[in-house]
């Protein structure tokens, strides 16, 4: 035998509204404290100086960071809202972009080493995300990317350091998609600065 229970007309004023607000606040608080893992996609978008004529160049990209963690959204050292860019996804992307840039410069990049062959080593020396001072009711993030390039040919070595900085003001903490875009743009800027340096191509082409 099936039973039906007739819904009562008694209501508790504001219960659903208050409960919903409390649930939303809890979800937002949880999201604010959760870690973010970024899958960045930097690109070399600048016009590069064409200096090569098909010469082979040994290319290496090195992760020189102390940690995959860039920082925290709250700015607190021991907080759980960390922002991470894993090396196993970032470094292959940097290698790919560097290879394409060298090809556009007229070189034939390779990962194999050979005595007397020109070489280029790119080291990601810094990638950081810090909370900076801002106006009332606003927060500010300060991002820094620093790439070191070492070009060698014969007995000559050229070293350049290329830094990209960005400050972003916001009222609500950036979500994963927004931080992913900011860090991608930051690394793109640093890569563009490196491959815009004509001294690198000039030395590799000697």
N, C-alpha and C. Protein backbone atom coordinates (compact mmCIF):
# COMPACT_ATOMS: atom_id res chain seq x y z
N UNK A 1 0.86 -1.19 0.00
CA UNK A 1 0.00 0.00 0.00
C UNK A 1 0.89 1.23 0.00
N UNK A 2 0.59 2.17 -0.89
CA UNK A 2 1.38 3.38 -0.97
C UNK A 2 0.77 4.47 -0.12
N UNK A 3 1.60 5.24 0.48
CA UNK A 3 1.13 6.35 1.33
C UNK A 3 1.60 7.67 0.74
N UNK A 4 0.78 8.67 0.83
CA UNK A 4 1.15 10.02 0.42
C UNK A 4 1.02 10.93 1.62
N UNK A 5 1.96 11.78 1.79
CA UNK A 5 1.92 12.75 2.89
C UNK A 5 1.65 14.11 2.29
N UNK A 6 0.61 14.73 2.71
CA UNK A 6 0.26 16.05 2.20
C UNK A 6 1.20 17.10 2.79
N UNK A 7 1.76 17.92 1.97
CA UNK A 7 2.70 18.94 2.44
C UNK A 7 1.97 19.93 3.33
N UNK A 8 2.59 20.27 4.42
CA UNK A 8 2.01 21.23 5.35
C UNK A 8 2.17 22.64 4.82
N UNK A 9 1.28 23.48 5.16
CA UNK A 9 1.38 24.88 4.74
C UNK A 9 2.25 25.71 5.66
N UNK A 10 2.81 25.10 6.71
CA UNK A 10 3.64 25.84 7.66
C UNK A 10 5.01 26.12 7.04
N UNK A 11 5.47 27.33 7.12
CA UNK A 11 6.77 27.74 6.57
C UNK A 11 7.60 28.45 7.61
N UNK A 12 8.88 28.26 7.51
CA UNK A 12 9.80 28.99 8.39
C UNK A 12 10.35 30.16 7.60
N UNK A 13 9.97 31.36 7.92
CA UNK A 13 10.37 32.53 7.12
C UNK A 13 11.89 32.65 7.02
N UNK A 14 12.38 32.79 5.78
CA UNK A 14 13.80 33.08 5.57
C UNK A 14 14.73 31.90 5.73
N UNK A 15 14.20 30.70 6.02
CA UNK A 15 15.10 29.58 6.28
C UNK A 15 15.92 29.22 5.05
N UNK A 16 15.22 29.11 3.90
CA UNK A 16 15.94 28.73 2.67
C UNK A 16 16.94 29.81 2.26
N UNK A 17 16.52 31.05 2.42
CA UNK A 17 17.40 32.16 2.03
C UNK A 17 18.65 32.20 2.90
N UNK A 18 18.45 32.11 4.20
CA UNK A 18 19.60 32.14 5.10
C UNK A 18 20.49 30.92 4.90
N UNK A 19 19.85 29.77 4.72
CA UNK A 19 20.63 28.55 4.51
C UNK A 19 21.43 28.62 3.23
N UNK A 20 20.79 29.17 2.18
CA UNK A 20 21.50 29.30 0.90
C UNK A 20 22.67 30.24 0.99
N UNK A 21 22.49 31.35 1.69
CA UNK A 21 23.59 32.30 1.85
C UNK A 21 24.74 31.70 2.64
N UNK A 22 24.39 30.94 3.67
CA UNK A 22 25.44 30.31 4.48
C UNK A 22 26.20 29.29 3.65
N UNK A 23 25.46 28.51 2.84
CA UNK A 23 26.11 27.52 1.99
C UNK A 23 27.02 28.19 0.98
N UNK A 24 26.55 29.28 0.36
CA UNK A 24 27.35 30.00 -0.63
C UNK A 24 28.61 30.57 0.01
N UNK A 25 28.45 31.14 1.20
CA UNK A 25 29.61 31.71 1.89
C UNK A 25 30.63 30.63 2.20
N UNK A 26 30.12 29.46 2.59
CA UNK A 26 31.05 28.36 2.88
C UNK A 26 31.78 27.89 1.64
N UNK A 27 31.05 27.81 0.51
CA UNK A 27 31.69 27.40 -0.73
C UNK A 27 32.75 28.40 -1.18
N UNK A 28 32.41 29.70 -1.08
CA UNK A 28 33.38 30.73 -1.48
C UNK A 28 34.60 30.70 -0.59
N UNK A 29 34.40 30.49 0.70
CA UNK A 29 35.53 30.43 1.63
C UNK A 29 36.42 29.24 1.29
N UNK A 30 35.77 28.11 0.95
CA UNK A 30 36.54 26.92 0.60
C UNK A 30 37.35 27.13 -0.66
N UNK A 31 36.72 27.77 -1.67
CA UNK A 31 37.42 28.04 -2.93
C UNK A 31 38.59 28.99 -2.71
N UNK A 32 38.39 29.97 -1.84
CA UNK A 32 39.44 30.96 -1.59
C UNK A 32 40.67 30.33 -0.96
N UNK A 33 40.46 29.23 -0.22
CA UNK A 33 41.58 28.60 0.48
C UNK A 33 42.16 27.42 -0.29
N UNK A 34 41.51 26.99 -1.38
CA UNK A 34 41.98 25.82 -2.09
C UNK A 34 43.15 26.16 -3.01
N UNK A 35 44.06 25.21 -3.23
CA UNK A 35 45.21 25.47 -4.10
C UNK A 35 44.81 25.54 -5.57
N UNK A 36 45.61 26.23 -6.35
CA UNK A 36 45.40 26.31 -7.79
C UNK A 36 46.60 25.70 -8.50
N UNK A 37 46.33 24.83 -9.46
CA UNK A 37 47.37 24.23 -10.29
C UNK A 37 47.18 24.74 -11.71
N UNK A 38 48.15 25.51 -12.18
CA UNK A 38 48.02 26.17 -13.48
C UNK A 38 48.66 25.35 -14.59
N UNK A 39 48.06 25.43 -15.75
CA UNK A 39 48.59 24.80 -16.96
C UNK A 39 48.84 25.91 -17.97
N UNK A 40 49.95 26.59 -17.80
CA UNK A 40 50.20 27.81 -18.58
C UNK A 40 50.66 27.47 -19.99
N UNK A 41 50.43 28.42 -20.90
CA UNK A 41 50.80 28.24 -22.30
C UNK A 41 51.50 29.49 -22.83
N UNK A 42 52.74 29.73 -22.41
CA UNK A 42 53.48 30.89 -22.93
C UNK A 42 53.84 30.68 -24.40
N UNK A 43 54.00 31.77 -25.11
CA UNK A 43 54.34 31.71 -26.52
C UNK A 43 55.35 32.80 -26.86
N UNK A 44 56.16 32.53 -27.86
CA UNK A 44 57.03 33.58 -28.41
C UNK A 44 56.23 34.24 -29.53
N UNK A 45 55.75 35.44 -29.28
CA UNK A 45 54.86 36.11 -30.23
C UNK A 45 55.52 37.28 -30.95
N UNK A 46 56.73 37.65 -30.52
CA UNK A 46 57.39 38.80 -31.10
C UNK A 46 58.09 38.42 -32.41
N UNK A 47 58.41 39.43 -33.21
CA UNK A 47 59.22 39.22 -34.40
C UNK A 47 60.67 39.01 -33.96
N UNK A 48 61.27 37.90 -34.36
CA UNK A 48 62.63 37.58 -33.94
C UNK A 48 63.62 37.94 -35.04
N UNK A 49 64.81 38.39 -34.68
CA UNK A 49 65.81 38.73 -35.70
C UNK A 49 66.34 37.48 -36.40
N UNK A 50 66.30 37.45 -37.71
CA UNK A 50 66.79 36.28 -38.45
C UNK A 50 68.29 36.43 -38.66
N UNK A 51 69.04 35.52 -38.06
CA UNK A 51 70.50 35.62 -38.11
C UNK A 51 71.15 34.36 -38.64
N UNK A 52 70.48 33.22 -38.54
CA UNK A 52 71.08 31.94 -38.91
C UNK A 52 70.89 31.59 -40.37
N UNK A 53 71.63 30.56 -40.78
CA UNK A 53 71.51 30.03 -42.15
C UNK A 53 71.52 28.51 -42.10
N UNK A 54 70.72 27.99 -41.16
CA UNK A 54 70.60 26.54 -41.06
C UNK A 54 71.55 25.87 -40.09
N UNK A 55 72.34 26.64 -39.33
CA UNK A 55 73.28 26.04 -38.39
C UNK A 55 72.55 25.28 -37.28
N UNK A 56 73.11 24.14 -36.90
CA UNK A 56 72.57 23.38 -35.77
C UNK A 56 72.95 24.09 -34.47
N UNK A 57 72.00 24.17 -33.55
CA UNK A 57 72.22 24.78 -32.24
C UNK A 57 71.67 23.84 -31.17
N UNK A 58 72.51 23.51 -30.20
CA UNK A 58 72.04 22.69 -29.08
C UNK A 58 71.21 23.57 -28.15
N UNK A 59 69.98 23.15 -27.91
CA UNK A 59 69.06 23.94 -27.08
C UNK A 59 68.72 23.16 -25.80
N UNK A 60 68.81 23.85 -24.67
CA UNK A 60 68.41 23.25 -23.40
C UNK A 60 67.59 24.26 -22.62
N UNK A 61 66.53 23.78 -21.96
CA UNK A 61 65.75 24.62 -21.06
C UNK A 61 65.84 24.02 -19.66
N UNK A 62 66.07 24.87 -18.68
CA UNK A 62 66.33 24.42 -17.32
C UNK A 62 65.38 25.12 -16.36
N UNK A 63 64.83 24.36 -15.43
CA UNK A 63 63.99 24.94 -14.38
C UNK A 63 64.90 25.29 -13.21
N UNK A 64 65.16 26.58 -13.04
CA UNK A 64 66.04 27.03 -11.98
C UNK A 64 65.30 27.49 -10.74
N UNK A 65 64.00 27.25 -10.67
CA UNK A 65 63.20 27.66 -9.51
C UNK A 65 63.49 26.75 -8.31
N UNK A 66 63.28 27.30 -7.13
CA UNK A 66 63.42 26.49 -5.91
C UNK A 66 62.23 25.58 -5.71
N UNK A 67 61.08 25.94 -6.29
CA UNK A 67 59.85 25.20 -6.06
C UNK A 67 58.88 25.44 -7.21
N UNK A 68 57.97 24.49 -7.41
CA UNK A 68 56.90 24.69 -8.39
C UNK A 68 55.87 25.70 -7.91
N UNK A 69 55.86 26.01 -6.61
CA UNK A 69 54.88 26.92 -6.03
C UNK A 69 55.33 28.36 -6.26
N UNK A 70 54.44 29.17 -6.87
CA UNK A 70 54.76 30.57 -7.15
C UNK A 70 54.55 31.44 -5.92
N UNK A 71 53.55 31.10 -5.12
CA UNK A 71 53.19 31.90 -3.95
C UNK A 71 51.79 31.54 -3.52
N UNK A 72 51.17 32.41 -2.76
CA UNK A 72 49.79 32.19 -2.31
C UNK A 72 48.94 33.40 -2.66
N UNK A 73 47.65 33.16 -2.87
CA UNK A 73 46.75 34.26 -3.21
C UNK A 73 46.53 35.20 -2.02
N UNK A 74 46.61 34.66 -0.82
CA UNK A 74 46.40 35.48 0.37
C UNK A 74 47.65 36.24 0.77
N UNK A 75 48.80 35.82 0.25
CA UNK A 75 50.05 36.45 0.63
C UNK A 75 50.65 35.88 1.90
N UNK A 76 50.00 34.89 2.49
CA UNK A 76 50.50 34.28 3.72
C UNK A 76 51.35 33.06 3.38
N UNK A 77 52.50 32.96 4.03
CA UNK A 77 53.47 31.92 3.70
C UNK A 77 52.93 30.50 3.90
N UNK A 78 52.25 30.26 5.02
CA UNK A 78 51.82 28.91 5.35
C UNK A 78 50.37 28.64 4.95
N UNK A 79 49.79 29.50 4.11
CA UNK A 79 48.40 29.33 3.70
C UNK A 79 48.25 28.16 2.73
N UNK A 80 47.01 27.69 2.59
CA UNK A 80 46.74 26.57 1.70
C UNK A 80 46.36 27.02 0.29
N UNK A 81 46.17 28.33 0.08
CA UNK A 81 45.75 28.82 -1.23
C UNK A 81 46.95 29.05 -2.15
N UNK A 82 47.75 28.01 -2.31
CA UNK A 82 48.97 28.10 -3.11
C UNK A 82 48.65 28.13 -4.61
N UNK A 83 49.57 28.71 -5.36
CA UNK A 83 49.48 28.73 -6.82
C UNK A 83 50.70 27.98 -7.35
N UNK A 84 50.46 26.91 -8.09
CA UNK A 84 51.53 26.02 -8.53
C UNK A 84 51.56 25.91 -10.05
N UNK A 85 52.76 25.99 -10.60
CA UNK A 85 52.97 25.69 -12.02
C UNK A 85 53.95 24.53 -12.10
N UNK A 86 53.46 23.31 -12.32
CA UNK A 86 54.34 22.14 -12.30
C UNK A 86 55.39 22.17 -13.41
N UNK A 87 56.60 21.78 -13.06
CA UNK A 87 57.69 21.77 -14.03
C UNK A 87 57.42 20.81 -15.18
N UNK A 88 56.75 19.70 -14.90
CA UNK A 88 56.58 18.67 -15.94
C UNK A 88 55.63 19.11 -17.04
N UNK A 89 54.84 20.15 -16.79
CA UNK A 89 54.01 20.71 -17.87
C UNK A 89 54.60 21.99 -18.43
N UNK A 90 55.29 22.75 -17.59
CA UNK A 90 55.83 24.05 -18.02
C UNK A 90 57.06 23.91 -18.89
N UNK A 91 58.03 23.10 -18.48
CA UNK A 91 59.32 23.07 -19.18
C UNK A 91 59.21 22.54 -20.62
N UNK A 92 58.41 21.50 -20.88
CA UNK A 92 58.26 21.09 -22.29
C UNK A 92 57.67 22.20 -23.16
N UNK A 93 56.79 23.00 -22.56
CA UNK A 93 56.20 24.11 -23.31
C UNK A 93 57.26 25.17 -23.63
N UNK A 94 58.11 25.48 -22.66
CA UNK A 94 59.18 26.45 -22.90
C UNK A 94 60.16 25.92 -23.95
N UNK A 95 60.46 24.63 -23.87
CA UNK A 95 61.37 24.01 -24.85
C UNK A 95 60.78 24.11 -26.25
N UNK A 96 59.50 23.82 -26.38
CA UNK A 96 58.84 23.87 -27.68
C UNK A 96 58.85 25.28 -28.26
N UNK A 97 58.55 26.27 -27.43
CA UNK A 97 58.52 27.64 -27.90
C UNK A 97 59.92 28.13 -28.28
N UNK A 98 60.92 27.74 -27.51
CA UNK A 98 62.30 28.12 -27.83
C UNK A 98 62.75 27.48 -29.14
N UNK A 99 62.37 26.23 -29.36
CA UNK A 99 62.71 25.56 -30.62
C UNK A 99 62.11 26.30 -31.81
N UNK A 100 60.85 26.65 -31.69
CA UNK A 100 60.17 27.35 -32.79
C UNK A 100 60.79 28.72 -33.04
N UNK A 101 61.18 29.40 -31.96
CA UNK A 101 61.80 30.72 -32.11
C UNK A 101 63.15 30.60 -32.82
N UNK A 102 63.95 29.61 -32.45
CA UNK A 102 65.25 29.42 -33.11
C UNK A 102 65.07 29.07 -34.58
N UNK A 103 64.06 28.28 -34.89
CA UNK A 103 63.80 27.95 -36.29
C UNK A 103 63.45 29.20 -37.09
N UNK A 104 62.65 30.07 -36.49
CA UNK A 104 62.29 31.33 -37.17
C UNK A 104 63.50 32.24 -37.31
N UNK A 105 64.50 32.06 -36.43
CA UNK A 105 65.72 32.85 -36.52
C UNK A 105 66.69 32.29 -37.55
N UNK A 106 66.36 31.12 -38.13
CA UNK A 106 67.20 30.54 -39.17
C UNK A 106 68.11 29.43 -38.70
N UNK A 107 67.90 28.93 -37.49
CA UNK A 107 68.74 27.86 -36.94
C UNK A 107 68.00 26.53 -36.95
N UNK A 108 68.78 25.47 -36.70
CA UNK A 108 68.22 24.12 -36.61
C UNK A 108 68.44 23.61 -35.19
N UNK A 109 67.50 23.86 -34.29
CA UNK A 109 67.69 23.46 -32.89
C UNK A 109 67.65 21.95 -32.71
N UNK A 110 68.46 21.47 -31.78
CA UNK A 110 68.51 20.06 -31.44
C UNK A 110 68.83 19.92 -29.96
N UNK A 111 68.41 18.82 -29.37
CA UNK A 111 68.74 18.57 -27.97
C UNK A 111 70.06 17.82 -27.83
N UNK A 112 70.57 17.30 -28.93
CA UNK A 112 71.83 16.56 -28.91
C UNK A 112 73.01 17.53 -28.79
N UNK A 113 74.02 17.12 -28.05
CA UNK A 113 75.22 17.94 -27.91
C UNK A 113 76.31 17.44 -28.83
N UNK A 114 77.20 18.35 -29.24
CA UNK A 114 78.33 17.98 -30.08
C UNK A 114 79.44 18.99 -29.85
N UNK A 115 80.66 18.51 -29.88
CA UNK A 115 81.81 19.38 -29.64
C UNK A 115 81.88 20.46 -30.72
N UNK A 116 82.00 21.71 -30.28
CA UNK A 116 82.12 22.83 -31.20
C UNK A 116 80.81 23.37 -31.72
N UNK A 117 79.70 22.72 -31.35
CA UNK A 117 78.41 23.20 -31.84
C UNK A 117 77.93 24.36 -30.98
N UNK A 118 77.37 25.43 -31.59
CA UNK A 118 76.79 26.52 -30.80
C UNK A 118 75.67 25.99 -29.91
N UNK A 119 75.48 26.64 -28.77
CA UNK A 119 74.44 26.18 -27.85
C UNK A 119 73.73 27.37 -27.22
N UNK A 120 72.50 27.11 -26.82
CA UNK A 120 71.70 28.10 -26.11
C UNK A 120 71.01 27.40 -24.95
N UNK A 121 71.23 27.93 -23.75
CA UNK A 121 70.58 27.40 -22.56
C UNK A 121 69.68 28.47 -21.95
N UNK A 122 68.41 28.13 -21.82
CA UNK A 122 67.45 29.03 -21.19
C UNK A 122 67.10 28.49 -19.81
N UNK A 123 67.27 29.33 -18.79
CA UNK A 123 66.97 28.93 -17.42
C UNK A 123 65.86 29.81 -16.88
N UNK A 124 64.79 29.17 -16.41
CA UNK A 124 63.73 29.91 -15.72
C UNK A 124 64.21 30.16 -14.30
N UNK A 125 64.75 31.35 -14.08
CA UNK A 125 65.38 31.67 -12.80
C UNK A 125 64.38 32.05 -11.73
N UNK A 126 63.24 32.63 -12.14
CA UNK A 126 62.24 33.07 -11.16
C UNK A 126 60.86 33.09 -11.78
N UNK A 127 59.89 32.64 -11.01
CA UNK A 127 58.48 32.77 -11.37
C UNK A 127 57.72 32.89 -10.06
N UNK A 128 57.29 34.11 -9.75
CA UNK A 128 56.71 34.36 -8.43
C UNK A 128 55.41 35.12 -8.51
N UNK A 129 54.58 34.95 -7.46
CA UNK A 129 53.26 35.57 -7.35
C UNK A 129 53.11 36.02 -5.92
N UNK A 130 53.09 37.34 -5.71
CA UNK A 130 53.03 37.87 -4.35
C UNK A 130 51.87 38.85 -4.22
N UNK A 131 51.37 38.97 -3.00
CA UNK A 131 50.34 39.96 -2.72
C UNK A 131 51.02 41.27 -2.37
N UNK A 132 50.58 42.35 -3.01
CA UNK A 132 51.20 43.67 -2.80
C UNK A 132 50.20 44.60 -2.12
N UNK A 133 50.70 45.73 -1.62
CA UNK A 133 49.83 46.73 -1.01
C UNK A 133 48.92 47.35 -2.07
N UNK A 134 47.67 47.58 -1.70
CA UNK A 134 46.72 48.16 -2.64
C UNK A 134 45.81 49.14 -1.91
N UNK A 135 44.82 49.65 -2.62
CA UNK A 135 43.87 50.60 -2.05
C UNK A 135 42.86 49.88 -1.17
N UNK A 136 42.14 50.61 -0.32
CA UNK A 136 41.08 50.00 0.49
C UNK A 136 40.06 49.26 -0.38
N UNK A 137 39.65 48.09 0.08
CA UNK A 137 38.68 47.22 -0.59
C UNK A 137 39.23 46.59 -1.86
N UNK A 138 40.49 46.81 -2.16
CA UNK A 138 41.12 46.21 -3.32
C UNK A 138 42.39 45.47 -2.91
N UNK A 139 42.70 44.41 -3.63
CA UNK A 139 43.95 43.70 -3.45
C UNK A 139 44.78 43.86 -4.71
N UNK A 140 46.06 43.56 -4.58
CA UNK A 140 46.96 43.67 -5.73
C UNK A 140 47.91 42.48 -5.73
N UNK A 141 48.10 41.90 -6.90
CA UNK A 141 49.06 40.81 -7.08
C UNK A 141 50.25 41.32 -7.87
N UNK A 142 51.44 40.93 -7.43
CA UNK A 142 52.67 41.30 -8.15
C UNK A 142 53.30 40.01 -8.67
N UNK A 143 53.46 39.93 -10.00
CA UNK A 143 54.01 38.74 -10.63
C UNK A 143 55.34 39.08 -11.29
N UNK A 144 56.30 38.16 -11.17
CA UNK A 144 57.62 38.36 -11.77
C UNK A 144 58.06 37.06 -12.44
N UNK A 145 58.54 37.18 -13.67
CA UNK A 145 59.17 36.06 -14.37
C UNK A 145 60.55 36.52 -14.82
N UNK A 146 61.54 35.67 -14.59
CA UNK A 146 62.92 36.03 -14.97
C UNK A 146 63.56 34.84 -15.69
N UNK A 147 64.03 35.08 -16.90
CA UNK A 147 64.67 34.05 -17.71
C UNK A 147 66.10 34.46 -18.00
N UNK A 148 67.02 33.52 -17.81
CA UNK A 148 68.43 33.75 -18.15
C UNK A 148 68.77 32.95 -19.42
N UNK A 149 69.37 33.62 -20.37
CA UNK A 149 69.81 32.96 -21.60
C UNK A 149 71.33 32.99 -21.67
N UNK A 150 71.93 31.84 -21.94
CA UNK A 150 73.38 31.73 -22.10
C UNK A 150 73.66 31.14 -23.48
N UNK A 151 74.22 31.95 -24.35
CA UNK A 151 74.59 31.51 -25.70
C UNK A 151 76.10 31.30 -25.75
N UNK A 152 76.51 30.18 -26.34
CA UNK A 152 77.94 29.87 -26.45
C UNK A 152 78.27 29.47 -27.88
N UNK A 153 79.40 29.97 -28.34
CA UNK A 153 79.89 29.60 -29.67
C UNK A 153 81.40 29.78 -29.68
N UNK A 154 82.10 28.69 -29.95
CA UNK A 154 83.56 28.75 -29.88
C UNK A 154 83.98 29.02 -28.45
N UNK A 155 84.78 30.03 -28.26
CA UNK A 155 85.22 30.39 -26.92
C UNK A 155 84.49 31.59 -26.36
N UNK A 156 83.40 31.99 -27.02
CA UNK A 156 82.67 33.18 -26.60
C UNK A 156 81.35 32.81 -25.94
N UNK A 157 81.04 33.50 -24.86
CA UNK A 157 79.78 33.29 -24.14
C UNK A 157 79.05 34.62 -23.97
N UNK A 158 77.77 34.58 -24.23
CA UNK A 158 76.93 35.77 -24.01
C UNK A 158 75.81 35.40 -23.05
N UNK A 159 75.64 36.19 -22.00
CA UNK A 159 74.59 35.94 -21.01
C UNK A 159 73.65 37.14 -20.92
N UNK A 160 72.38 36.86 -21.00
CA UNK A 160 71.37 37.91 -20.86
C UNK A 160 70.30 37.48 -19.86
N UNK A 161 69.80 38.42 -19.09
CA UNK A 161 68.72 38.16 -18.13
C UNK A 161 67.53 39.03 -18.52
N UNK A 162 66.37 38.41 -18.64
CA UNK A 162 65.19 39.08 -19.18
C UNK A 162 64.05 38.95 -18.16
N UNK A 163 63.57 40.08 -17.69
CA UNK A 163 62.59 40.10 -16.61
C UNK A 163 61.28 40.71 -17.08
N UNK A 164 60.19 40.05 -16.74
CA UNK A 164 58.85 40.56 -17.01
C UNK A 164 58.13 40.72 -15.68
N UNK A 165 57.47 41.87 -15.49
CA UNK A 165 56.74 42.14 -14.25
C UNK A 165 55.31 42.55 -14.59
N UNK A 166 54.43 42.23 -13.66
CA UNK A 166 53.03 42.63 -13.83
C UNK A 166 52.39 42.84 -12.46
N UNK A 167 51.64 43.92 -12.33
CA UNK A 167 50.85 44.17 -11.13
C UNK A 167 49.38 44.21 -11.52
N UNK A 168 48.57 43.43 -10.82
CA UNK A 168 47.15 43.31 -11.14
C UNK A 168 46.31 43.65 -9.91
N UNK A 169 45.45 44.66 -10.02
CA UNK A 169 44.56 45.05 -8.93
C UNK A 169 43.21 44.36 -9.11
N UNK A 170 42.61 43.90 -8.02
CA UNK A 170 41.33 43.20 -8.11
C UNK A 170 40.55 43.34 -6.81
N UNK A 171 39.22 43.20 -6.93
CA UNK A 171 38.35 43.22 -5.76
C UNK A 171 38.08 41.80 -5.28
N UNK A 172 37.96 40.86 -6.21
CA UNK A 172 37.79 39.44 -5.90
C UNK A 172 39.04 38.70 -6.36
N UNK A 173 39.50 37.77 -5.55
CA UNK A 173 40.71 37.02 -5.88
C UNK A 173 40.55 36.32 -7.23
N UNK A 174 41.54 36.40 -8.10
CA UNK A 174 41.45 35.76 -9.42
C UNK A 174 41.26 34.25 -9.29
N UNK A 175 40.42 33.70 -10.16
CA UNK A 175 40.23 32.25 -10.16
C UNK A 175 41.34 31.59 -10.96
N UNK A 176 41.25 30.28 -11.10
CA UNK A 176 42.31 29.53 -11.78
C UNK A 176 42.48 29.98 -13.23
N UNK A 177 41.37 30.19 -13.93
CA UNK A 177 41.46 30.62 -15.33
C UNK A 177 42.14 31.97 -15.46
N UNK A 178 41.80 32.90 -14.59
CA UNK A 178 42.38 34.24 -14.65
C UNK A 178 43.87 34.22 -14.30
N UNK A 179 44.24 33.46 -13.27
CA UNK A 179 45.66 33.36 -12.92
C UNK A 179 46.44 32.63 -14.01
N UNK A 180 45.81 31.65 -14.63
CA UNK A 180 46.47 30.93 -15.71
C UNK A 180 46.82 31.89 -16.85
N UNK A 181 45.88 32.77 -17.18
CA UNK A 181 46.10 33.73 -18.26
C UNK A 181 47.18 34.74 -17.88
N UNK A 182 47.15 35.22 -16.64
CA UNK A 182 48.14 36.21 -16.21
C UNK A 182 49.56 35.64 -16.24
N UNK A 183 49.72 34.41 -15.74
CA UNK A 183 51.06 33.81 -15.71
C UNK A 183 51.52 33.46 -17.13
N UNK A 184 50.61 33.01 -17.97
CA UNK A 184 50.95 32.74 -19.38
C UNK A 184 51.44 34.00 -20.07
N UNK A 185 50.72 35.11 -19.88
CA UNK A 185 51.11 36.38 -20.49
C UNK A 185 52.46 36.86 -19.95
N UNK A 186 52.68 36.63 -18.65
CA UNK A 186 53.94 37.05 -18.03
C UNK A 186 55.12 36.30 -18.65
N UNK A 187 55.00 34.99 -18.78
CA UNK A 187 56.08 34.20 -19.37
C UNK A 187 56.26 34.52 -20.85
N UNK A 188 55.17 34.80 -21.53
CA UNK A 188 55.26 35.21 -22.93
C UNK A 188 56.09 36.49 -23.06
N UNK A 189 55.86 37.43 -22.17
CA UNK A 189 56.61 38.68 -22.16
C UNK A 189 58.10 38.43 -21.95
N UNK A 190 58.43 37.55 -20.98
CA UNK A 190 59.84 37.26 -20.71
C UNK A 190 60.50 36.56 -21.90
N UNK A 191 59.80 35.61 -22.52
CA UNK A 191 60.34 34.92 -23.70
C UNK A 191 60.54 35.90 -24.85
N UNK A 192 59.59 36.79 -25.06
CA UNK A 192 59.71 37.77 -26.14
C UNK A 192 60.92 38.67 -25.93
N UNK A 193 61.18 39.05 -24.69
CA UNK A 193 62.34 39.89 -24.39
C UNK A 193 63.63 39.14 -24.72
N UNK A 194 63.66 37.85 -24.37
CA UNK A 194 64.87 37.06 -24.63
C UNK A 194 65.14 36.92 -26.12
N UNK A 195 64.13 36.53 -26.89
CA UNK A 195 64.37 36.26 -28.31
C UNK A 195 64.36 37.52 -29.17
N UNK A 196 64.08 38.65 -28.55
CA UNK A 196 64.23 39.93 -29.26
C UNK A 196 65.66 40.46 -29.19
N UNK A 197 66.46 39.86 -28.33
CA UNK A 197 67.84 40.32 -28.14
C UNK A 197 68.69 39.88 -29.34
N UNK A 198 69.13 40.79 -30.18
CA UNK A 198 69.88 40.41 -31.38
C UNK A 198 71.24 39.78 -31.08
N UNK A 199 71.78 40.04 -29.90
CA UNK A 199 73.11 39.52 -29.57
C UNK A 199 73.12 38.00 -29.52
N UNK A 200 72.00 37.39 -29.15
CA UNK A 200 71.94 35.92 -29.08
C UNK A 200 72.13 35.32 -30.48
N UNK A 201 71.32 35.78 -31.42
CA UNK A 201 71.43 35.26 -32.78
C UNK A 201 72.77 35.56 -33.42
N UNK A 202 73.30 36.75 -33.17
CA UNK A 202 74.59 37.11 -33.76
C UNK A 202 75.70 36.18 -33.31
N UNK A 203 75.70 35.82 -32.01
CA UNK A 203 76.75 34.92 -31.52
C UNK A 203 76.56 33.51 -32.06
N UNK A 204 75.32 33.02 -32.06
CA UNK A 204 75.08 31.65 -32.54
C UNK A 204 75.40 31.51 -34.02
N UNK A 205 75.31 32.58 -34.77
CA UNK A 205 75.53 32.53 -36.23
C UNK A 205 77.00 32.64 -36.63
N UNK A 206 77.88 32.95 -35.71
CA UNK A 206 79.29 33.14 -36.05
C UNK A 206 79.92 31.86 -36.60
